[in-house]
Amino acid sequence: MNLKAEFLESQKTKVKEIETIIREYLPKEEGYQRIIMKAMSYSLLAGGKRLRPMLMKETYLLFSGGSVRPEEKGALYAFMAAQEMIHTYSLVHDDLPAMDNDDYRRGRKTTHVVYGEDMGILAGDALLNFAFETAAGAFEAAPDKSREIAKALQILGRKAGIFGMLGGQVIDVKETGHAVSKEILDTVYELKTAALIESSMMIGAVLGGAAAKELDETEQIAKNIGLAFQIQDDILDVTGTAATLGKPVHSDEKNEKTTYVTLFGVEKAKKIVEEKSLRAVLKLKELPGDHTYLEQLFRQLICREK
């Protein structure tokens, strides 16, 4: 088995483990309000790369000595599930008629198409609220790590909110329909996409025991990966197919959005992805621990076709 095949097999195993963790933290579908639990589960179990919880755990392992400490397992898993809930809520709302108005996500009908626009809105709200309820459970799971958990919660909230993903979404919506500058586009990408990747890796670092300087370095690595990831999305929206991506293509053009492709063209956008990814990989090598899997993951992200 060659290196790429070994990585893909390892990635598949890690995704399965994350799926198991996510299922463990889902609310039971009961009570008069159980339709919202069903909509939450439908949204959260739609598949996907599980990139953010994966980055969180792999970054944690860099600073924990390569294994999950038994006394920290519950806290780490709670934050992994919470992070994926926040990411999923953002997708549910992004697909709504008032936003991108997409009917398919990850190869199947979007939440609002299946449950109605009202439940689509509420499912996103529910996932966001339940994410913080889940993350707060880390205090009980690891009472001796209250300081680290409080820091992780602070990161989770800021990177998901008006100074992070939500803020980026606001600018994106406000500026859709007309050309924007590279400065504005970079701000959207840094907030809307990179912020949750930063959050994932920073929380992993905090829970793993990273020092302040290492946390700052982790944030910069994640920012470069987040920007590269989003620019690659721009490229795939032009070069990919709906069957491969599991969602409509040319949606940026349909929504009249400025992207790196519209600003620079496909070839230059590809070079920018490579530059930012290389910057992240080189910085990653300065951190402690075994970087092998994370480095391969970074490289795979820039070469992905979906």
C-alpha atoms as a PDB file:
ATOM      1  CA  MET A   1       0.000   0.000   0.000  1.00  0.00           C
ATOM      2  CA  ASN A   2       1.497   3.362  -1.039  1.00  0.00           C
ATOM      3  CA  LEU A   3       1.624   6.493   1.119  1.00  0.00           C
ATOM      4  CA  LYS A   4      -1.495   8.065  -0.416  1.00  0.00           C
ATOM      5  CA  ALA A   5      -3.524   4.878  -0.023  1.00  0.00           C
ATOM      6  CA  GLU A   6      -2.391   4.562   3.611  1.00  0.00           C
ATOM      7  CA  PHE A   7      -3.410   8.145   4.292  1.00  0.00           C
ATOM      8  CA  LEU A   8      -6.841   7.701   2.710  1.00  0.00           C
ATOM      9  CA  GLU A   9      -7.435   4.526   4.717  1.00  0.00           C
ATOM     10  CA  SER A  10      -6.369   6.287   7.910  1.00  0.00           C
ATOM     11  CA  GLN A  11      -8.602   9.245   7.064  1.00  0.00           C
ATOM     12  CA  LYS A  12     -11.577   6.940   6.515  1.00  0.00           C
ATOM     13  CA  THR A  13     -11.005   5.354   9.935  1.00  0.00           C
ATOM     14  CA  LYS A  14     -10.741   8.740  11.618  1.00  0.00           C
ATOM     15  CA  VAL A  15     -13.965   9.953   9.966  1.00  0.00           C
ATOM     16  CA  LYS A  16     -15.788   6.853  11.256  1.00  0.00           C
ATOM     17  CA  GLU A  17     -14.523   7.542  14.774  1.00  0.00           C
ATOM     18  CA  ILE A  18     -15.743  11.135  14.552  1.00  0.00           C
ATOM     19  CA  GLU A  19     -19.137   9.982  13.271  1.00  0.00           C
ATOM     20  CA  THR A  20     -19.440   7.762  16.353  1.00  0.00           C
ATOM     21  CA  ILE A  21     -18.569  10.683  18.645  1.00  0.00           C
ATOM     22  CA  ILE A  22     -21.107  12.967  16.954  1.00  0.00           C
ATOM     23  CA  ARG A  23     -23.877  10.362  17.303  1.00  0.00           C
ATOM     24  CA  GLU A  24     -23.135  10.025  21.014  1.00  0.00           C
ATOM     25  CA  TYR A  25     -23.785  13.725  21.561  1.00  0.00           C
ATOM     26  CA  LEU A  26     -26.988  14.011  19.525  1.00  0.00           C
ATOM     27  CA  PRO A  27     -30.130  14.761  21.551  1.00  0.00           C
ATOM     28  CA  LYS A  28     -32.762  12.028  21.823  1.00  0.00           C
ATOM     29  CA  GLU A  29     -35.678  12.460  19.439  1.00  0.00           C
ATOM     30  CA  GLU A  30     -38.443  12.791  22.015  1.00  0.00           C
ATOM     31  CA  GLY A  31     -41.009  15.241  23.343  1.00  0.00           C
ATOM     32  CA  TYR A  32     -43.514  17.407  21.505  1.00  0.00           C
ATOM     33  CA  GLN A  33     -40.581  19.260  19.918  1.00  0.00           C
ATOM     34  CA  ARG A  34     -38.959  16.072  18.561  1.00  0.00           C
ATOM     35  CA  ILE A  35     -39.240  17.270  14.948  1.00  0.00           C
ATOM     36  CA  ILE A  36     -36.405  19.686  15.662  1.00  0.00           C
ATOM     37  CA  MET A  37     -34.229  16.846  16.973  1.00  0.00           C
ATOM     38  CA  LYS A  38     -34.975  14.959  13.747  1.00  0.00           C
ATOM     39  CA  ALA A  39     -34.020  17.986  11.651  1.00  0.00           C
ATOM     40  CA  MET A  40     -30.826  18.429  13.693  1.00  0.00           C
ATOM     41  CA  SER A  41     -29.874  14.790  13.178  1.00  0.00           C
ATOM     42  CA  TYR A  42     -30.702  14.941   9.470  1.00  0.00           C
ATOM     43  CA  SER A  43     -28.418  17.960   9.085  1.00  0.00           C
ATOM     44  CA  LEU A  44     -25.602  16.699  11.268  1.00  0.00           C
ATOM     45  CA  LEU A  45     -25.485  13.153   9.889  1.00  0.00           C
ATOM     46  CA  ALA A  46     -25.414  14.168   6.228  1.00  0.00           C
ATOM     47  CA  GLY A  47     -21.781  13.087   5.942  1.00  0.00           C
ATOM     48  CA  GLY A  48     -18.922  15.321   4.886  1.00  0.00           C
ATOM     49  CA  LYS A  49     -15.204  15.502   5.556  1.00  0.00           C
ATOM     50  CA  ARG A  50     -15.560  16.089   9.330  1.00  0.00           C
ATOM     51  CA  LEU A  51     -12.550  18.312   8.795  1.00  0.00           C
ATOM     52  CA  ARG A  52     -12.970  20.583  11.812  1.00  0.00           C
ATOM     53  CA  PRO A  53     -13.262  17.939  14.553  1.00  0.00           C
ATOM     54  CA  MET A  54     -10.488  16.026  12.808  1.00  0.00           C
ATOM     55  CA  LEU A  55      -8.203  19.071  12.885  1.00  0.00           C
ATOM     56  CA  MET A  56      -9.083  19.598  16.539  1.00  0.00           C
ATOM     57  CA  LYS A  57      -8.105  16.086  17.573  1.00  0.00           C
ATOM     58  CA  GLU A  58      -4.967  15.937  15.436  1.00  0.00           C
ATOM     59  CA  THR A  59      -3.762  19.273  16.820  1.00  0.00           C
ATOM     60  CA  TYR A  60      -4.521  18.086  20.354  1.00  0.00           C
ATOM     61  CA  LEU A  61      -2.314  15.030  19.705  1.00  0.00           C
ATOM     62  CA  LEU A  62       0.627  17.263  18.761  1.00  0.00           C
ATOM     63  CA  PHE A  63       0.680  18.755  22.257  1.00  0.00           C
ATOM     64  CA  SER A  64      -0.552  15.787  24.325  1.00  0.00           C
ATOM     65  CA  GLY A  65       2.280  13.448  23.403  1.00  0.00           C
ATOM     66  CA  GLY A  66       0.469  11.584  20.637  1.00  0.00           C
ATOM     67  CA  SER A  67      -2.424  10.051  22.555  1.00  0.00           C
ATOM     68  CA  VAL A  68      -5.678  11.153  24.146  1.00  0.00           C
ATOM     69  CA  ARG A  69      -5.238  11.393  27.897  1.00  0.00           C
ATOM     70  CA  PRO A  70      -8.063   9.427  29.592  1.00  0.00           C
ATOM     71  CA  GLU A  71      -8.938  12.322  31.919  1.00  0.00           C
ATOM     72  CA  GLU A  72      -9.328  14.697  28.930  1.00  0.00           C
ATOM     73  CA  LYS A  73     -11.195  12.392  26.542  1.00  0.00           C
ATOM     74  CA  GLY A  74     -14.691  13.588  27.498  1.00  0.00           C
ATOM     75  CA  ALA A  75     -13.759  17.250  27.175  1.00  0.00           C
ATOM     76  CA  LEU A  76     -12.034  16.794  23.809  1.00  0.00           C
ATOM     77  CA  TYR A  77     -14.922  14.783  22.371  1.00  0.00           C
ATOM     78  CA  ALA A  78     -17.492  17.305  23.604  1.00  0.00           C
ATOM     79  CA  PHE A  79     -15.682  20.124  21.801  1.00  0.00           C
ATOM     80  CA  MET A  80     -15.241  18.019  18.656  1.00  0.00           C
ATOM     81  CA  ALA A  81     -18.999  17.396  18.514  1.00  0.00           C
ATOM     82  CA  ALA A  82     -19.790  21.018  19.349  1.00  0.00           C
ATOM     83  CA  GLN A  83     -17.529  22.304  16.589  1.00  0.00           C
ATOM     84  CA  GLU A  84     -19.240  20.133  13.988  1.00  0.00           C
ATOM     85  CA  MET A  85     -22.653  21.298  15.218  1.00  0.00           C
ATOM     86  CA  ILE A  86     -21.620  24.915  14.702  1.00  0.00           C
ATOM     87  CA  HIS A  87     -20.250  24.184  11.243  1.00  0.00           C
ATOM     88  CA  THR A  88     -23.441  22.310  10.312  1.00  0.00           C
ATOM     89  CA  TYR A  89     -25.690  25.105  11.586  1.00  0.00           C
ATOM     90  CA  SER A  90     -23.825  27.521   9.318  1.00  0.00           C
ATOM     91  CA  LEU A  91     -24.446  25.268   6.311  1.00  0.00           C
ATOM     92  CA  VAL A  92     -28.143  24.859   7.124  1.00  0.00           C
ATOM     93  CA  HIS A  93     -28.607  28.625   7.267  1.00  0.00           C
ATOM     94  CA  ASP A  94     -26.358  29.198   4.244  1.00  0.00           C
ATOM     95  CA  ASP A  95     -28.658  26.986   2.140  1.00  0.00           C
ATOM     96  CA  LEU A  96     -31.845  28.876   3.064  1.00  0.00           C
ATOM     97  CA  PRO A  97     -33.863  30.734   0.392  1.00  0.00           C
ATOM     98  CA  ALA A  98     -32.883  34.094   1.904  1.00  0.00           C
ATOM     99  CA  MET A  99     -29.187  33.180   1.558  1.00  0.00           C
ATOM    100  CA  ASP A 100     -27.822  30.909  -1.235  1.00  0.00           C
ATOM    101  CA  ASN A 101     -31.148  29.131  -1.840  1.00  0.00           C
ATOM    102  CA  ASP A 102     -29.564  25.724  -2.499  1.00  0.00           C
ATOM    103  CA  ASP A 103     -31.633  22.546  -2.744  1.00  0.00           C
ATOM    104  CA  TYR A 104     -28.777  20.056  -2.341  1.00  0.00           C
ATOM    105  CA  ARG A 105     -25.928  19.664   0.116  1.00  0.00           C
ATOM    106  CA  ARG A 106     -23.557  16.690   0.319  1.00  0.00           C
ATOM    107  CA  GLY A 107     -25.550  14.900  -2.346  1.00  0.00           C
ATOM    108  CA  ARG A 108     -28.959  15.065  -0.720  1.00  0.00           C
ATOM    109  CA  LYS A 109     -31.771  17.548  -0.205  1.00  0.00           C
ATOM    110  CA  THR A 110     -31.015  20.424   2.138  1.00  0.00           C
ATOM    111  CA  THR A 111     -32.686  20.688   5.525  1.00  0.00           C
ATOM    112  CA  HIS A 112     -35.158  23.417   4.604  1.00  0.00           C
ATOM    113  CA  VAL A 113     -36.287  21.454   1.534  1.00  0.00           C
ATOM    114  CA  VAL A 114     -37.049  18.378   3.660  1.00  0.00           C
ATOM    115  CA  TYR A 115     -38.453  20.041   6.794  1.00  0.00           C
ATOM    116  CA  GLY A 116     -39.633  23.405   5.518  1.00  0.00           C
ATOM    117  CA  GLU A 117     -38.028  26.827   5.724  1.00  0.00           C
ATOM    118  CA  ASP A 118     -39.321  27.446   9.258  1.00  0.00           C
ATOM    119  CA  MET A 119     -37.770  24.244  10.614  1.00  0.00           C
ATOM    120  CA  GLY A 120     -34.627  24.895   8.591  1.00  0.00           C
ATOM    121  CA  ILE A 121     -34.152  28.179  10.438  1.00  0.00           C
ATOM    122  CA  LEU A 122     -34.957  26.583  13.792  1.00  0.00           C
ATOM    123  CA  ALA A 123     -32.712  23.566  13.129  1.00  0.00           C
ATOM    124  CA  GLY A 124     -29.762  25.909  12.606  1.00  0.00           C
ATOM    125  CA  ASP A 125     -30.649  27.815  15.772  1.00  0.00           C
ATOM    126  CA  ALA A 126     -30.983  24.549  17.685  1.00  0.00           C
ATOM    127  CA  LEU A 127     -27.610  23.249  16.516  1.00  0.00           C
ATOM    128  CA  LEU A 128     -25.872  26.460  17.551  1.00  0.00           C
ATOM    129  CA  ASN A 129     -27.473  26.473  20.997  1.00  0.00           C
ATOM    130  CA  PHE A 130     -26.912  22.768  21.538  1.00  0.00           C
ATOM    131  CA  ALA A 131     -23.273  23.142  20.502  1.00  0.00           C
ATOM    132  CA  PHE A 132     -22.586  25.379  23.485  1.00  0.00           C
ATOM    133  CA  GLU A 133     -24.622  23.155  25.787  1.00  0.00           C
ATOM    134  CA  THR A 134     -22.475  20.240  24.598  1.00  0.00           C
ATOM    135  CA  ALA A 135     -19.180  22.117  24.952  1.00  0.00           C
ATOM    136  CA  ALA A 136     -20.119  23.322  28.455  1.00  0.00           C
ATOM    137  CA  GLY A 137     -20.460  19.668  29.435  1.00  0.00           C
ATOM    138  CA  ALA A 138     -16.664  19.486  29.224  1.00  0.00           C
ATOM    139  CA  PHE A 139     -16.457  21.095  32.681  1.00  0.00           C
ATOM    140  CA  GLU A 140     -18.156  18.044  34.175  1.00  0.00           C
ATOM    141  CA  ALA A 141     -16.214  15.623  31.971  1.00  0.00           C
ATOM    142  CA  ALA A 142     -12.815  17.056  32.966  1.00  0.00           C
ATOM    143  CA  PRO A 143     -13.198  19.105  36.187  1.00  0.00           C
ATOM    144  CA  ASP A 144      -9.421  19.449  36.596  1.00  0.00           C
ATOM    145  CA  LYS A 145      -9.159  21.226  33.236  1.00  0.00           C
ATOM    146  CA  SER A 146     -11.575  24.073  33.946  1.00  0.00           C
ATOM    147  CA  ARG A 147      -9.090  26.790  32.982  1.00  0.00           C
ATOM    148  CA  GLU A 148      -8.344  25.193  29.598  1.00  0.00           C
ATOM    149  CA  ILE A 149     -12.041  24.501  28.976  1.00  0.00           C
ATOM    150  CA  ALA A 150     -12.961  28.120  29.733  1.00  0.00           C
ATOM    151  CA  LYS A 151     -10.308  29.286  27.243  1.00  0.00           C
ATOM    152  CA  ALA A 152     -11.600  26.811  24.651  1.00  0.00           C
ATOM    153  CA  LEU A 153     -15.173  28.073  25.121  1.00  0.00           C
ATOM    154  CA  GLN A 154     -13.979  31.640  24.650  1.00  0.00           C
ATOM    155  CA  ILE A 155     -12.304  30.663  21.373  1.00  0.00           C
ATOM    156  CA  LEU A 156     -15.360  28.708  20.229  1.00  0.00           C
ATOM    157  CA  GLY A 157     -17.694  31.645  20.847  1.00  0.00           C
ATOM    158  CA  ARG A 158     -15.520  34.360  19.319  1.00  0.00           C
ATOM    159  CA  LYS A 159     -14.579  32.445  16.175  1.00  0.00           C
ATOM    160  CA  ALA A 160     -18.220  31.514  15.528  1.00  0.00           C
ATOM    161  CA  GLY A 161     -19.669  34.953  16.221  1.00  0.00           C
ATOM    162  CA  ILE A 162     -19.638  38.518  14.918  1.00  0.00           C
ATOM    163  CA  PHE A 163     -15.833  38.654  15.047  1.00  0.00           C
ATOM    164  CA  GLY A 164     -15.594  35.341  13.197  1.00  0.00           C
ATOM    165  CA  MET A 165     -17.793  33.207  10.975  1.00  0.00           C
ATOM    166  CA  LEU A 166     -21.036  35.129  11.477  1.00  0.00           C
ATOM    167  CA  GLY A 167     -19.286  38.427  10.810  1.00  0.00           C
ATOM    168  CA  GLY A 168     -17.873  37.014   7.590  1.00  0.00           C
ATOM    169  CA  GLN A 169     -21.298  35.817   6.537  1.00  0.00           C
ATOM    170  CA  VAL A 170     -22.713  39.308   7.157  1.00  0.00           C
ATOM    171  CA  ILE A 171     -20.144  40.919   4.876  1.00  0.00           C
ATOM    172  CA  ASP A 172     -20.628  38.187   2.280  1.00  0.00           C
ATOM    173  CA  VAL A 173     -24.396  38.745   2.149  1.00  0.00           C
ATOM    174  CA  LYS A 174     -24.041  42.527   2.146  1.00  0.00           C
ATOM    175  CA  GLU A 175     -21.517  42.539  -0.703  1.00  0.00           C
ATOM    176  CA  THR A 176     -23.146  39.881  -2.915  1.00  0.00           C
ATOM    177  CA  GLY A 177     -24.385  41.186  -6.254  1.00  0.00           C
ATOM    178  CA  HIS A 178     -21.532  43.522  -7.053  1.00  0.00           C
ATOM    179  CA  ALA A 179     -17.761  43.431  -7.418  1.00  0.00           C
ATOM    180  CA  VAL A 180     -15.663  43.775  -4.242  1.00  0.00           C
ATOM    181  CA  SER A 181     -11.981  44.425  -3.617  1.00  0.00           C
ATOM    182  CA  LYS A 182      -9.435  41.779  -2.680  1.00  0.00           C
ATOM    183  CA  GLU A 183      -9.238  43.356   0.787  1.00  0.00           C
ATOM    184  CA  ILE A 184     -12.952  42.825   1.425  1.00  0.00           C
ATOM    185  CA  LEU A 185     -12.865  39.335  -0.094  1.00  0.00           C
ATOM    186  CA  ASP A 186      -9.920  38.356   2.121  1.00  0.00           C
ATOM    187  CA  THR A 187     -11.821  39.622   5.160  1.00  0.00           C
ATOM    188  CA  VAL A 188     -14.843  37.501   4.217  1.00  0.00           C
ATOM    189  CA  TYR A 189     -12.682  34.407   3.749  1.00  0.00           C
ATOM    190  CA  GLU A 190     -10.695  34.980   6.952  1.00  0.00           C
ATOM    191  CA  LEU A 191     -13.894  35.291   8.970  1.00  0.00           C
ATOM    192  CA  LYS A 192     -16.446  33.108   7.194  1.00  0.00           C
ATOM    193  CA  THR A 193     -14.202  30.098   6.474  1.00  0.00           C
ATOM    194  CA  ALA A 194     -10.852  30.360   8.234  1.00  0.00           C
ATOM    195  CA  ALA A 195     -12.270  31.308  11.655  1.00  0.00           C
ATOM    196  CA  LEU A 196     -13.839  27.897  12.347  1.00  0.00           C
ATOM    197  CA  ILE A 197     -10.691  26.113  11.180  1.00  0.00           C
ATOM    198  CA  GLU A 198      -8.685  28.371  13.494  1.00  0.00           C
ATOM    199  CA  SER A 199     -11.128  27.587  16.288  1.00  0.00           C
ATOM    200  CA  SER A 200     -10.767  23.841  15.716  1.00  0.00           C
ATOM    201  CA  MET A 201      -6.993  23.795  15.792  1.00  0.00           C
ATOM    202  CA  MET A 202      -6.687  26.348  18.606  1.00  0.00           C
ATOM    203  CA  ILE A 203      -9.090  24.429  20.865  1.00  0.00           C
ATOM    204  CA  GLY A 204      -7.144  21.242  20.183  1.00  0.00           C
ATOM    205  CA  ALA A 205      -3.936  23.063  21.088  1.00  0.00           C
ATOM    206  CA  VAL A 206      -5.399  24.553  24.293  1.00  0.00           C
ATOM    207  CA  LEU A 207      -6.786  21.230  25.516  1.00  0.00           C
ATOM    208  CA  GLY A 208      -3.523  19.517  24.600  1.00  0.00           C
ATOM    209  CA  GLY A 209      -1.475  21.938  26.702  1.00  0.00           C
ATOM    210  CA  ALA A 210       0.039  24.349  24.161  1.00  0.00           C
ATOM    211  CA  ALA A 211       1.886  27.427  25.410  1.00  0.00           C
ATOM    212  CA  ALA A 212       0.705  30.917  24.434  1.00  0.00           C
ATOM    213  CA  LYS A 213       3.289  31.272  21.630  1.00  0.00           C
ATOM    214  CA  GLU A 214       2.379  27.858  20.249  1.00  0.00           C
ATOM    215  CA  LEU A 215      -1.297  28.822  20.290  1.00  0.00           C
ATOM    216  CA  ASP A 216      -0.537  31.929  18.215  1.00  0.00           C
ATOM    217  CA  GLU A 217       1.454  29.833  15.744  1.00  0.00           C
ATOM    218  CA  THR A 218      -1.399  27.333  15.525  1.00  0.00           C
ATOM    219  CA  GLU A 219      -3.823  30.148  14.713  1.00  0.00           C
ATOM    220  CA  GLN A 220      -1.610  31.351  11.840  1.00  0.00           C
ATOM    221  CA  ILE A 221      -1.293  27.828  10.430  1.00  0.00           C
ATOM    222  CA  ALA A 222      -5.056  27.398  10.553  1.00  0.00           C
ATOM    223  CA  LYS A 223      -5.663  30.791   8.921  1.00  0.00           C
ATOM    224  CA  ASN A 224      -3.510  29.857   5.930  1.00  0.00           C
ATOM    225  CA  ILE A 225      -5.218  26.477   5.600  1.00  0.00           C
ATOM    226  CA  GLY A 226      -8.638  28.106   5.912  1.00  0.00           C
ATOM    227  CA  LEU A 227      -7.877  30.613   3.156  1.00  0.00           C
ATOM    228  CA  ALA A 228      -6.421  27.915   0.910  1.00  0.00           C
ATOM    229  CA  PHE A 229      -9.482  25.737   1.544  1.00  0.00           C
ATOM    230  CA  GLN A 230     -11.895  28.518   0.564  1.00  0.00           C
ATOM    231  CA  ILE A 231      -9.971  29.499  -2.545  1.00  0.00           C
ATOM    232  CA  GLN A 232      -9.953  25.841  -3.582  1.00  0.00           C
ATOM    233  CA  ASP A 233     -13.750  25.941  -3.155  1.00  0.00           C
ATOM    234  CA  ASP A 234     -13.824  28.892  -5.566  1.00  0.00           C
ATOM    235  CA  ILE A 235     -11.878  26.828  -8.088  1.00  0.00           C
ATOM    236  CA  LEU A 236     -14.093  23.748  -7.684  1.00  0.00           C
ATOM    237  CA  ASP A 237     -17.224  25.841  -8.172  1.00  0.00           C
ATOM    238  CA  VAL A 238     -15.934  26.498 -11.695  1.00  0.00           C
ATOM    239  CA  THR A 239     -14.092  23.258 -12.518  1.00  0.00           C
ATOM    240  CA  GLY A 240     -16.083  20.661 -10.559  1.00  0.00           C
ATOM    241  CA  THR A 241     -19.347  18.861 -11.230  1.00  0.00           C
ATOM    242  CA  ALA A 242     -22.524  18.646  -9.157  1.00  0.00           C
ATOM    243  CA  ALA A 243     -22.194  14.850  -9.052  1.00  0.00           C
ATOM    244  CA  THR A 244     -18.679  15.048  -7.602  1.00  0.00           C
ATOM    245  CA  LEU A 245     -19.279  17.938  -5.202  1.00  0.00           C
ATOM    246  CA  GLY A 246     -22.729  16.846  -4.005  1.00  0.00           C
ATOM    247  CA  LYS A 247     -24.025  20.411  -4.418  1.00  0.00           C
ATOM    248  CA  PRO A 248     -24.722  22.795  -7.314  1.00  0.00           C
ATOM    249  CA  VAL A 249     -21.778  24.213  -9.262  1.00  0.00           C
ATOM    250  CA  HIS A 250     -21.470  27.744 -10.628  1.00  0.00           C
ATOM    251  CA  SER A 251     -23.435  28.946  -7.582  1.00  0.00           C
ATOM    252  CA  ASP A 252     -20.974  31.820  -7.140  1.00  0.00           C
ATOM    253  CA  GLU A 253     -21.720  33.009 -10.651  1.00  0.00           C
ATOM    254  CA  LYS A 254     -25.473  32.558 -10.074  1.00  0.00           C
ATOM    255  CA  ASN A 255     -25.282  34.641  -6.901  1.00  0.00           C
ATOM    256  CA  GLU A 256     -22.976  37.217  -8.531  1.00  0.00           C
ATOM    257  CA  LYS A 257     -20.197  36.718  -6.003  1.00  0.00           C
ATOM    258  CA  THR A 258     -16.657  37.957  -6.330  1.00  0.00           C
ATOM    259  CA  THR A 259     -14.194  35.079  -5.801  1.00  0.00           C
ATOM    260  CA  TYR A 260     -10.467  34.489  -6.276  1.00  0.00           C
ATOM    261  CA  VAL A 261     -11.329  32.969  -9.653  1.00  0.00           C
ATOM    262  CA  THR A 262     -13.209  36.066 -10.818  1.00  0.00           C
ATOM    263  CA  LEU A 263     -10.382  38.285  -9.549  1.00  0.00           C
ATOM    264  CA  PHE A 264      -7.354  36.299 -10.720  1.00  0.00           C
ATOM    265  CA  GLY A 265      -8.470  33.385 -12.907  1.00  0.00           C
ATOM    266  CA  VAL A 266      -8.209  29.658 -12.190  1.00  0.00           C
ATOM    267  CA  GLU A 267      -4.461  29.209 -12.707  1.00  0.00           C
ATOM    268  CA  LYS A 268      -3.356  32.065 -10.468  1.00  0.00           C
ATOM    269  CA  ALA A 269      -5.918  31.024  -7.847  1.00  0.00           C
ATOM    270  CA  LYS A 270      -4.341  27.542  -7.852  1.00  0.00           C
ATOM    271  CA  LYS A 271      -0.888  29.064  -7.266  1.00  0.00           C
ATOM    272  CA  ILE A 272      -2.209  31.095  -4.331  1.00  0.00           C
ATOM    273  CA  VAL A 273      -3.684  27.919  -2.812  1.00  0.00           C
ATOM    274  CA  GLU A 274      -0.300  26.207  -3.119  1.00  0.00           C
ATOM    275  CA  GLU A 275       1.540  29.175  -1.571  1.00  0.00           C
ATOM    276  CA  LYS A 276      -0.745  29.424   1.443  1.00  0.00           C
ATOM    277  CA  SER A 277      -0.721  25.658   1.971  1.00  0.00           C
ATOM    278  CA  LEU A 278       3.078  25.526   1.813  1.00  0.00           C
ATOM    279  CA  ARG A 279       3.272  28.362   4.337  1.00  0.00           C
ATOM    280  CA  ALA A 280       1.036  26.362   6.690  1.00  0.00           C
ATOM    281  CA  VAL A 281       3.060  23.162   6.258  1.00  0.00           C
ATOM    282  CA  LEU A 282       6.373  24.906   6.945  1.00  0.00           C
ATOM    283  CA  LYS A 283       4.963  26.535  10.070  1.00  0.00           C
ATOM    284  CA  LEU A 284       3.474  23.212  11.176  1.00  0.00           C
ATOM    285  CA  LYS A 285       6.942  21.657  11.204  1.00  0.00           C
ATOM    286  CA  GLU A 286       7.943  24.119  13.944  1.00  0.00           C
ATOM    287  CA  LEU A 287       5.364  22.690  16.359  1.00  0.00           C
ATOM    288  CA  PRO A 288       6.091  19.686  18.600  1.00  0.00           C
ATOM    289  CA  GLY A 289       4.878  16.149  17.987  1.00  0.00           C
ATOM    290  CA  ASP A 290       4.392  13.975  14.926  1.00  0.00           C
ATOM    291  CA  HIS A 291       3.103  16.128  12.047  1.00  0.00           C
ATOM    292  CA  THR A 292       2.872  13.363   9.451  1.00  0.00           C
ATOM    293  CA  TYR A 293      -0.905  12.976   9.275  1.00  0.00           C
ATOM    294  CA  LEU A 294      -1.679  16.697   9.545  1.00  0.00           C
ATOM    295  CA  GLU A 295       0.804  17.509   6.796  1.00  0.00           C
ATOM    296  CA  GLN A 296      -0.754  14.884   4.531  1.00  0.00           C
ATOM    297  CA  LEU A 297      -4.213  16.225   5.381  1.00  0.00           C
ATOM    298  CA  PHE A 298      -3.169  19.767   4.445  1.00  0.00           C
ATOM    299  CA  ARG A 299      -1.782  18.557   1.129  1.00  0.00           C
ATOM    300  CA  GLN A 300      -4.901  16.519   0.417  1.00  0.00           C
ATOM    301  CA  LEU A 301      -7.140  19.515   1.004  1.00  0.00           C
ATOM    302  CA  ILE A 302      -5.472  21.558  -1.721  1.00  0.00           C
ATOM    303  CA  CYS A 303      -5.661  18.704  -4.234  1.00  0.00           C
ATOM    304  CA  ARG A 304      -9.237  17.675  -3.460  1.00  0.00           C
ATOM    305  CA  GLU A 305     -11.909  17.443  -6.124  1.00  0.00           C
ATOM    306  CA  LYS A 306     -14.874  17.836  -3.758  1.00  0.00           C
END
